[in-house]
């Protein structure tokens, strides 16, 4: 087991990629703090983790709140004694150009998708430094690397996650803290459930690997980055997208 007895916090782990990452971590021996605003979903993830033979607790967390993030970090330390891994996964993905979305919508997306990464790292890094190191994984997305129509706030926030990851990797490498990000492509999660059959068909037709990604694909990437196998890897943007960002394939 690559993560035996390590303690991981995963935000947004009540469903989707967060749940997939938490379950893969558990299968590799990690103990998990399942953090999510949706407490019932978080508790369901905890039961799934326990069924895999690992330990977990649920902590209801608003990732835009400094007080909630501090409480999440304290809960991890109180229950498990330390923190080895942080996955900043929580996010939202509304549609809208800059002339369509309201200022309130813009602020919410930036808070949930980008400010939450700042807060998670701000309050977890000191604990990791005291521990002697750790691994932080931020979930960005392919729209942090390239743009898409009517996704103004999301593109801005995820691009911020990508470069903030690189910046923090510079600041904290000497503290033995590795900070990387994963950019998932089109993955079968609640965020993509609203895609029509036609939209899915068009998207898959453009992929070199023409299938919908699964949360296990993202979980496997996260396990690698959290493990000792990636001990010399920091500041990486690991793209897991079936080739989506390579360009438009010939047909």
C-alpha atoms as a PDB file:
ATOM      1  CA  UNK A   1       0.000   0.000   0.000  1.00  0.00           C
ATOM      2  CA  UNK A   2       1.525   3.254  -1.164  1.00  0.00           C
ATOM      3  CA  UNK A   3      -0.185   5.531   1.388  1.00  0.00           C
ATOM      4  CA  UNK A   4      -0.299   3.294   4.447  1.00  0.00           C
ATOM      5  CA  UNK A   5      -1.146   5.231   7.641  1.00  0.00           C
ATOM      6  CA  UNK A   6      -0.871   8.621   5.959  1.00  0.00           C
ATOM      7  CA  UNK A   7      -3.524  11.195   6.800  1.00  0.00           C
ATOM      8  CA  UNK A   8      -5.231  12.968   3.917  1.00  0.00           C
ATOM      9  CA  UNK A   9      -7.766  15.768   3.752  1.00  0.00           C
ATOM     10  CA  UNK A  10      -9.888  15.765   0.590  1.00  0.00           C
ATOM     11  CA  UNK A  11     -12.256  18.690   0.041  1.00  0.00           C
ATOM     12  CA  UNK A  12     -15.377  18.306  -2.039  1.00  0.00           C
ATOM     13  CA  UNK A  13     -15.281  14.582  -1.302  1.00  0.00           C
ATOM     14  CA  UNK A  14     -19.025  14.007  -0.986  1.00  0.00           C
ATOM     15  CA  UNK A  15     -19.196  13.071  -4.675  1.00  0.00           C
ATOM     16  CA  UNK A  16     -17.388  13.127  -8.009  1.00  0.00           C
ATOM     17  CA  UNK A  17     -13.630  13.398  -8.284  1.00  0.00           C
ATOM     18  CA  UNK A  18     -13.269  14.139  -4.579  1.00  0.00           C
ATOM     19  CA  UNK A  19     -15.016  10.934  -3.606  1.00  0.00           C
ATOM     20  CA  UNK A  20     -13.045   8.992  -6.216  1.00  0.00           C
ATOM     21  CA  UNK A  21      -9.755  10.340  -4.845  1.00  0.00           C
ATOM     22  CA  UNK A  22     -10.750   9.634  -1.252  1.00  0.00           C
ATOM     23  CA  UNK A  23     -11.679   6.038  -2.066  1.00  0.00           C
ATOM     24  CA  UNK A  24      -8.448   5.400  -3.975  1.00  0.00           C
ATOM     25  CA  UNK A  25      -6.450   6.857  -1.089  1.00  0.00           C
ATOM     26  CA  UNK A  26      -8.287   4.556   1.304  1.00  0.00           C
ATOM     27  CA  UNK A  27      -7.507   1.549  -0.874  1.00  0.00           C
ATOM     28  CA  UNK A  28      -3.836   2.526  -0.602  1.00  0.00           C
ATOM     29  CA  UNK A  29      -4.021   2.630   3.213  1.00  0.00           C
ATOM     30  CA  UNK A  30      -4.605   6.318   3.936  1.00  0.00           C
ATOM     31  CA  UNK A  31      -6.836   7.719   6.669  1.00  0.00           C
ATOM     32  CA  UNK A  32      -9.178  10.330   5.260  1.00  0.00           C
ATOM     33  CA  UNK A  33     -10.812  13.545   6.389  1.00  0.00           C
ATOM     34  CA  UNK A  34     -13.798  13.897   4.071  1.00  0.00           C
ATOM     35  CA  UNK A  35     -14.543  17.631   3.905  1.00  0.00           C
ATOM     36  CA  UNK A  36     -17.635  18.934   2.149  1.00  0.00           C
ATOM     37  CA  UNK A  37     -20.468  21.388   2.614  1.00  0.00           C
ATOM     38  CA  UNK A  38     -22.800  18.448   1.910  1.00  0.00           C
ATOM     39  CA  UNK A  39     -22.504  16.603   5.224  1.00  0.00           C
ATOM     40  CA  UNK A  40     -24.787  13.703   4.316  1.00  0.00           C
ATOM     41  CA  UNK A  41     -22.773  13.061   1.157  1.00  0.00           C
ATOM     42  CA  UNK A  42     -19.537  13.286   3.134  1.00  0.00           C
ATOM     43  CA  UNK A  43     -20.833  10.773   5.665  1.00  0.00           C
ATOM     44  CA  UNK A  44     -21.768   8.438   2.806  1.00  0.00           C
ATOM     45  CA  UNK A  45     -18.197   8.670   1.514  1.00  0.00           C
ATOM     46  CA  UNK A  46     -16.940   7.875   5.017  1.00  0.00           C
ATOM     47  CA  UNK A  47     -19.008   4.691   5.087  1.00  0.00           C
ATOM     48  CA  UNK A  48     -17.629   3.693   1.688  1.00  0.00           C
ATOM     49  CA  UNK A  49     -14.089   4.251   2.977  1.00  0.00           C
ATOM     50  CA  UNK A  50     -14.754   2.188   6.093  1.00  0.00           C
ATOM     51  CA  UNK A  51     -16.106  -0.621   3.946  1.00  0.00           C
ATOM     52  CA  UNK A  52     -12.674  -0.691   2.314  1.00  0.00           C
ATOM     53  CA  UNK A  53     -11.030  -1.226   5.689  1.00  0.00           C
ATOM     54  CA  UNK A  54      -9.691   2.279   6.295  1.00  0.00           C
ATOM     55  CA  UNK A  55     -10.505   5.081   8.731  1.00  0.00           C
ATOM     56  CA  UNK A  56     -12.311   8.311   7.942  1.00  0.00           C
ATOM     57  CA  UNK A  57     -14.221  11.197   9.453  1.00  0.00           C
ATOM     58  CA  UNK A  58     -16.615  13.677   7.855  1.00  0.00           C
ATOM     59  CA  UNK A  59     -16.226  17.400   8.497  1.00  0.00           C
ATOM     60  CA  UNK A  60     -18.827  19.807   7.175  1.00  0.00           C
ATOM     61  CA  UNK A  61     -16.757  22.533   5.518  1.00  0.00           C
ATOM     62  CA  UNK A  62     -17.441  25.714   3.600  1.00  0.00           C
ATOM     63  CA  UNK A  63     -14.162  25.958   1.689  1.00  0.00           C
ATOM     64  CA  UNK A  64     -14.621  29.719   1.191  1.00  0.00           C
ATOM     65  CA  UNK A  65     -14.533  30.310   4.963  1.00  0.00           C
ATOM     66  CA  UNK A  66     -11.218  30.684   6.773  1.00  0.00           C
ATOM     67  CA  UNK A  67     -12.873  29.663  10.032  1.00  0.00           C
ATOM     68  CA  UNK A  68     -14.251  26.467   8.477  1.00  0.00           C
ATOM     69  CA  UNK A  69     -10.892  25.569   6.916  1.00  0.00           C
ATOM     70  CA  UNK A  70      -9.148  26.089  10.256  1.00  0.00           C
ATOM     71  CA  UNK A  71     -11.759  23.877  11.907  1.00  0.00           C
ATOM     72  CA  UNK A  72     -11.206  21.217   9.221  1.00  0.00           C
ATOM     73  CA  UNK A  73      -7.446  21.254   9.787  1.00  0.00           C
ATOM     74  CA  UNK A  74      -7.909  21.096  13.554  1.00  0.00           C
ATOM     75  CA  UNK A  75     -10.324  18.183  13.232  1.00  0.00           C
ATOM     76  CA  UNK A  76      -7.724  16.260  11.217  1.00  0.00           C
ATOM     77  CA  UNK A  77      -5.045  16.929  13.829  1.00  0.00           C
ATOM     78  CA  UNK A  78      -7.342  16.155  16.759  1.00  0.00           C
ATOM     79  CA  UNK A  79      -8.557  12.866  15.279  1.00  0.00           C
ATOM     80  CA  UNK A  80      -5.477  11.554  13.480  1.00  0.00           C
ATOM     81  CA  UNK A  81      -2.616  13.551  15.004  1.00  0.00           C
ATOM     82  CA  UNK A  82      -1.149  15.095  11.837  1.00  0.00           C
ATOM     83  CA  UNK A  83      -1.701  15.796   8.121  1.00  0.00           C
ATOM     84  CA  UNK A  84       0.388  14.285   5.323  1.00  0.00           C
ATOM     85  CA  UNK A  85      -1.726  15.030   2.250  1.00  0.00           C
ATOM     86  CA  UNK A  86      -4.124  17.798   1.259  1.00  0.00           C
ATOM     87  CA  UNK A  87      -6.295  17.606  -1.854  1.00  0.00           C
ATOM     88  CA  UNK A  88      -7.999  20.890  -2.720  1.00  0.00           C
ATOM     89  CA  UNK A  89     -10.745  19.514  -4.934  1.00  0.00           C
ATOM     90  CA  UNK A  90     -13.942  21.448  -4.156  1.00  0.00           C
ATOM     91  CA  UNK A  91     -15.235  23.442  -7.084  1.00  0.00           C
ATOM     92  CA  UNK A  92     -18.185  24.725  -9.100  1.00  0.00           C
ATOM     93  CA  UNK A  93     -18.482  25.285 -12.844  1.00  0.00           C
ATOM     94  CA  UNK A  94     -21.261  27.671 -13.918  1.00  0.00           C
ATOM     95  CA  UNK A  95     -21.779  28.891 -17.470  1.00  0.00           C
ATOM     96  CA  UNK A  96     -21.557  32.512 -18.516  1.00  0.00           C
ATOM     97  CA  UNK A  97     -19.518  35.127 -20.360  1.00  0.00           C
ATOM     98  CA  UNK A  98     -18.317  38.229 -18.511  1.00  0.00           C
ATOM     99  CA  UNK A  99     -21.342  40.179 -19.745  1.00  0.00           C
ATOM    100  CA  UNK A 100     -23.768  37.430 -18.709  1.00  0.00           C
ATOM    101  CA  UNK A 101     -22.731  36.532 -15.177  1.00  0.00           C
ATOM    102  CA  UNK A 102     -23.349  38.763 -12.198  1.00  0.00           C
ATOM    103  CA  UNK A 103     -20.651  40.123  -9.932  1.00  0.00           C
ATOM    104  CA  UNK A 104     -21.979  37.857  -7.198  1.00  0.00           C
ATOM    105  CA  UNK A 105     -21.613  34.774  -9.431  1.00  0.00           C
ATOM    106  CA  UNK A 106     -18.070  35.813 -10.374  1.00  0.00           C
ATOM    107  CA  UNK A 107     -17.111  36.266  -6.720  1.00  0.00           C
ATOM    108  CA  UNK A 108     -18.603  32.892  -5.765  1.00  0.00           C
ATOM    109  CA  UNK A 109     -16.687  30.987  -8.448  1.00  0.00           C
ATOM    110  CA  UNK A 110     -13.404  32.685  -7.564  1.00  0.00           C
ATOM    111  CA  UNK A 111     -14.033  31.950  -3.883  1.00  0.00           C
ATOM    112  CA  UNK A 112     -14.976  28.281  -4.280  1.00  0.00           C
ATOM    113  CA  UNK A 113     -12.500  27.386  -7.024  1.00  0.00           C
ATOM    114  CA  UNK A 114      -9.456  29.554  -6.201  1.00  0.00           C
ATOM    115  CA  UNK A 115      -9.692  31.188  -2.776  1.00  0.00           C
ATOM    116  CA  UNK A 116     -10.372  27.745  -1.285  1.00  0.00           C
ATOM    117  CA  UNK A 117      -6.959  26.568  -2.529  1.00  0.00           C
ATOM    118  CA  UNK A 118      -5.309  29.575  -0.887  1.00  0.00           C
ATOM    119  CA  UNK A 119      -7.124  28.927   2.391  1.00  0.00           C
ATOM    120  CA  UNK A 120      -6.515  25.182   2.402  1.00  0.00           C
ATOM    121  CA  UNK A 121      -2.799  25.677   1.847  1.00  0.00           C
ATOM    122  CA  UNK A 122      -2.519  28.649   4.211  1.00  0.00           C
ATOM    123  CA  UNK A 123      -3.733  26.647   7.198  1.00  0.00           C
ATOM    124  CA  UNK A 124      -2.388  23.197   6.290  1.00  0.00           C
ATOM    125  CA  UNK A 125       1.173  24.096   5.298  1.00  0.00           C
ATOM    126  CA  UNK A 126       2.254  25.122   8.838  1.00  0.00           C
ATOM    127  CA  UNK A 127       1.041  21.735  10.120  1.00  0.00           C
ATOM    128  CA  UNK A 128       2.975  19.970   7.365  1.00  0.00           C
ATOM    129  CA  UNK A 129       6.117  21.976   8.118  1.00  0.00           C
ATOM    130  CA  UNK A 130       5.906  20.888  11.746  1.00  0.00           C
ATOM    131  CA  UNK A 131       5.407  17.309  10.543  1.00  0.00           C
ATOM    132  CA  UNK A 132       8.497  17.531   8.323  1.00  0.00           C
ATOM    133  CA  UNK A 133       6.792  17.702   4.934  1.00  0.00           C
ATOM    134  CA  UNK A 134       3.797  16.627   2.940  1.00  0.00           C
ATOM    135  CA  UNK A 135       2.051  16.556  -0.416  1.00  0.00           C
ATOM    136  CA  UNK A 136      -0.564  19.011  -1.654  1.00  0.00           C
ATOM    137  CA  UNK A 137      -2.620  18.290  -4.767  1.00  0.00           C
ATOM    138  CA  UNK A 138      -4.820  20.997  -6.257  1.00  0.00           C
ATOM    139  CA  UNK A 139      -7.515  20.015  -8.732  1.00  0.00           C
ATOM    140  CA  UNK A 140      -7.563  22.503 -11.604  1.00  0.00           C
ATOM    141  CA  UNK A 141      -8.918  21.433 -14.999  1.00  0.00           C
ATOM    142  CA  UNK A 142      -8.226  21.596 -18.696  1.00  0.00           C
ATOM    143  CA  UNK A 143      -9.920  25.004 -18.727  1.00  0.00           C
ATOM    144  CA  UNK A 144      -7.087  26.218 -16.548  1.00  0.00           C
ATOM    145  CA  UNK A 145      -4.855  25.592 -19.571  1.00  0.00           C
ATOM    146  CA  UNK A 146      -7.117  26.565 -22.450  1.00  0.00           C
ATOM    147  CA  UNK A 147     -10.268  28.629 -22.785  1.00  0.00           C
ATOM    148  CA  UNK A 148     -13.834  27.686 -23.642  1.00  0.00           C
ATOM    149  CA  UNK A 149     -16.869  29.712 -24.610  1.00  0.00           C
ATOM    150  CA  UNK A 150     -19.039  31.123 -21.828  1.00  0.00           C
ATOM    151  CA  UNK A 151     -16.875  29.823 -18.952  1.00  0.00           C
ATOM    152  CA  UNK A 152     -15.318  33.155 -17.945  1.00  0.00           C
ATOM    153  CA  UNK A 153     -15.134  32.817 -14.170  1.00  0.00           C
ATOM    154  CA  UNK A 154     -14.261  29.120 -14.225  1.00  0.00           C
ATOM    155  CA  UNK A 155     -11.429  29.608 -16.742  1.00  0.00           C
ATOM    156  CA  UNK A 156     -10.032  32.490 -14.700  1.00  0.00           C
ATOM    157  CA  UNK A 157     -10.208  30.577 -11.423  1.00  0.00           C
ATOM    158  CA  UNK A 158      -8.688  27.352 -12.723  1.00  0.00           C
ATOM    159  CA  UNK A 159      -5.865  29.192 -14.493  1.00  0.00           C
ATOM    160  CA  UNK A 160      -5.201  30.803 -11.131  1.00  0.00           C
ATOM    161  CA  UNK A 161      -5.043  27.380  -9.485  1.00  0.00           C
ATOM    162  CA  UNK A 162      -2.460  26.199 -12.022  1.00  0.00           C
ATOM    163  CA  UNK A 163      -0.098  29.128 -11.498  1.00  0.00           C
ATOM    164  CA  UNK A 164      -0.665  29.337  -7.732  1.00  0.00           C
ATOM    165  CA  UNK A 165       0.369  25.682  -7.571  1.00  0.00           C
ATOM    166  CA  UNK A 166       3.628  26.461  -9.354  1.00  0.00           C
ATOM    167  CA  UNK A 167       4.264  29.510  -7.180  1.00  0.00           C
ATOM    168  CA  UNK A 168       3.721  27.636  -3.908  1.00  0.00           C
ATOM    169  CA  UNK A 169       5.933  24.793  -5.101  1.00  0.00           C
ATOM    170  CA  UNK A 170       8.787  27.304  -5.246  1.00  0.00           C
ATOM    171  CA  UNK A 171       8.081  28.712  -1.780  1.00  0.00           C
ATOM    172  CA  UNK A 172       7.718  25.435   0.129  1.00  0.00           C
ATOM    173  CA  UNK A 173       9.967  22.909  -1.615  1.00  0.00           C
ATOM    174  CA  UNK A 174      12.698  23.463   0.964  1.00  0.00           C
ATOM    175  CA  UNK A 175      10.177  22.527   3.654  1.00  0.00           C
ATOM    176  CA  UNK A 176       9.800  19.129   1.961  1.00  0.00           C
ATOM    177  CA  UNK A 177       6.299  19.994   0.809  1.00  0.00           C
ATOM    178  CA  UNK A 178       5.514  19.000  -2.768  1.00  0.00           C
ATOM    179  CA  UNK A 179       2.693  20.940  -4.405  1.00  0.00           C
ATOM    180  CA  UNK A 180       1.228  19.719  -7.693  1.00  0.00           C
ATOM    181  CA  UNK A 181      -2.040  19.968  -9.578  1.00  0.00           C
ATOM    182  CA  UNK A 182      -4.188  17.679 -11.680  1.00  0.00           C
ATOM    183  CA  UNK A 183      -6.116  18.951 -14.701  1.00  0.00           C
ATOM    184  CA  UNK A 184      -8.976  16.534 -15.380  1.00  0.00           C
ATOM    185  CA  UNK A 185     -10.696  16.538 -18.733  1.00  0.00           C
ATOM    186  CA  UNK A 186     -14.258  15.324 -19.339  1.00  0.00           C
ATOM    187  CA  UNK A 187     -14.951  13.057 -16.370  1.00  0.00           C
ATOM    188  CA  UNK A 188     -18.223  11.372 -15.417  1.00  0.00           C
ATOM    189  CA  UNK A 189     -19.173  13.403 -12.314  1.00  0.00           C
ATOM    190  CA  UNK A 190     -22.205  15.395 -11.109  1.00  0.00           C
ATOM    191  CA  UNK A 191     -20.633  18.489 -12.722  1.00  0.00           C
ATOM    192  CA  UNK A 192     -20.887  16.887 -16.171  1.00  0.00           C
ATOM    193  CA  UNK A 193     -24.216  15.120 -15.644  1.00  0.00           C
ATOM    194  CA  UNK A 194     -26.123  17.918 -17.372  1.00  0.00           C
ATOM    195  CA  UNK A 195     -24.289  17.437 -20.672  1.00  0.00           C
ATOM    196  CA  UNK A 196     -26.681  16.368 -23.418  1.00  0.00           C
ATOM    197  CA  UNK A 197     -26.092  13.194 -25.416  1.00  0.00           C
ATOM    198  CA  UNK A 198     -25.222  15.328 -28.426  1.00  0.00           C
ATOM    199  CA  UNK A 199     -22.701  17.394 -26.451  1.00  0.00           C
ATOM    200  CA  UNK A 200     -21.084  14.214 -25.184  1.00  0.00           C
ATOM    201  CA  UNK A 201     -20.937  12.786 -28.696  1.00  0.00           C
ATOM    202  CA  UNK A 202     -19.262  15.900 -30.068  1.00  0.00           C
ATOM    203  CA  UNK A 203     -16.732  16.015 -27.252  1.00  0.00           C
ATOM    204  CA  UNK A 204     -15.829  12.341 -27.467  1.00  0.00           C
ATOM    205  CA  UNK A 205     -15.395  12.616 -31.236  1.00  0.00           C
ATOM    206  CA  UNK A 206     -12.535  15.065 -30.613  1.00  0.00           C
ATOM    207  CA  UNK A 207     -10.665  12.910 -28.107  1.00  0.00           C
ATOM    208  CA  UNK A 208      -7.711  10.717 -29.117  1.00  0.00           C
ATOM    209  CA  UNK A 209      -8.900   8.352 -26.373  1.00  0.00           C
ATOM    210  CA  UNK A 210     -12.626   8.461 -27.166  1.00  0.00           C
ATOM    211  CA  UNK A 211     -14.224   7.663 -23.846  1.00  0.00           C
ATOM    212  CA  UNK A 212     -15.540   9.569 -20.857  1.00  0.00           C
ATOM    213  CA  UNK A 213     -13.022   9.737 -18.013  1.00  0.00           C
ATOM    214  CA  UNK A 214     -13.861   8.054 -14.715  1.00  0.00           C
ATOM    215  CA  UNK A 215     -13.196   9.308 -11.200  1.00  0.00           C
ATOM    216  CA  UNK A 216     -10.789   6.385 -10.792  1.00  0.00           C
ATOM    217  CA  UNK A 217      -8.607   7.934 -13.509  1.00  0.00           C
ATOM    218  CA  UNK A 218      -8.241  11.070 -11.406  1.00  0.00           C
ATOM    219  CA  UNK A 219      -7.865   9.045  -8.212  1.00  0.00           C
ATOM    220  CA  UNK A 220      -5.006   7.046  -9.711  1.00  0.00           C
ATOM    221  CA  UNK A 221      -3.196  10.250 -10.684  1.00  0.00           C
ATOM    222  CA  UNK A 222      -3.688  11.639  -7.179  1.00  0.00           C
ATOM    223  CA  UNK A 223      -2.308   8.458  -5.586  1.00  0.00           C
ATOM    224  CA  UNK A 224       0.847   8.808  -7.654  1.00  0.00           C
ATOM    225  CA  UNK A 225       1.363  12.462  -6.714  1.00  0.00           C
ATOM    226  CA  UNK A 226       0.710  11.757  -3.032  1.00  0.00           C
ATOM    227  CA  UNK A 227       3.056   8.769  -2.896  1.00  0.00           C
ATOM    228  CA  UNK A 228       6.816   8.441  -2.522  1.00  0.00           C
ATOM    229  CA  UNK A 229       6.932   7.509  -6.213  1.00  0.00           C
ATOM    230  CA  UNK A 230       6.581  11.251  -6.893  1.00  0.00           C
ATOM    231  CA  UNK A 231       9.146  12.337  -4.291  1.00  0.00           C
ATOM    232  CA  UNK A 232      11.056  14.406  -6.887  1.00  0.00           C
ATOM    233  CA  UNK A 233       7.947  15.892  -8.495  1.00  0.00           C
ATOM    234  CA  UNK A 234       6.696  19.353  -7.592  1.00  0.00           C
ATOM    235  CA  UNK A 235       5.015  22.175  -9.487  1.00  0.00           C
ATOM    236  CA  UNK A 236       3.676  19.656 -12.000  1.00  0.00           C
ATOM    237  CA  UNK A 237       0.413  20.144 -13.863  1.00  0.00           C
ATOM    238  CA  UNK A 238      -0.638  16.551 -14.548  1.00  0.00           C
ATOM    239  CA  UNK A 239      -3.187  16.523 -17.368  1.00  0.00           C
ATOM    240  CA  UNK A 240      -5.620  13.574 -17.290  1.00  0.00           C
ATOM    241  CA  UNK A 241      -7.893  14.302 -20.223  1.00  0.00           C
ATOM    242  CA  UNK A 242      -7.770  11.545 -22.835  1.00  0.00           C
ATOM    243  CA  UNK A 243      -5.795  13.889 -25.082  1.00  0.00           C
ATOM    244  CA  UNK A 244      -8.326  16.731 -25.061  1.00  0.00           C
ATOM    245  CA  UNK A 245      -5.693  19.476 -24.825  1.00  0.00           C
ATOM    246  CA  UNK A 246      -3.460  18.061 -27.593  1.00  0.00           C
ATOM    247  CA  UNK A 247      -5.404  19.778 -30.354  1.00  0.00           C
ATOM    248  CA  UNK A 248      -8.085  18.797 -32.857  1.00  0.00           C
ATOM    249  CA  UNK A 249      -7.395  15.298 -34.200  1.00  0.00           C
ATOM    250  CA  UNK A 250      -7.641  14.519 -37.900  1.00  0.00           C
ATOM    251  CA  UNK A 251     -10.763  12.677 -39.055  1.00  0.00           C
END
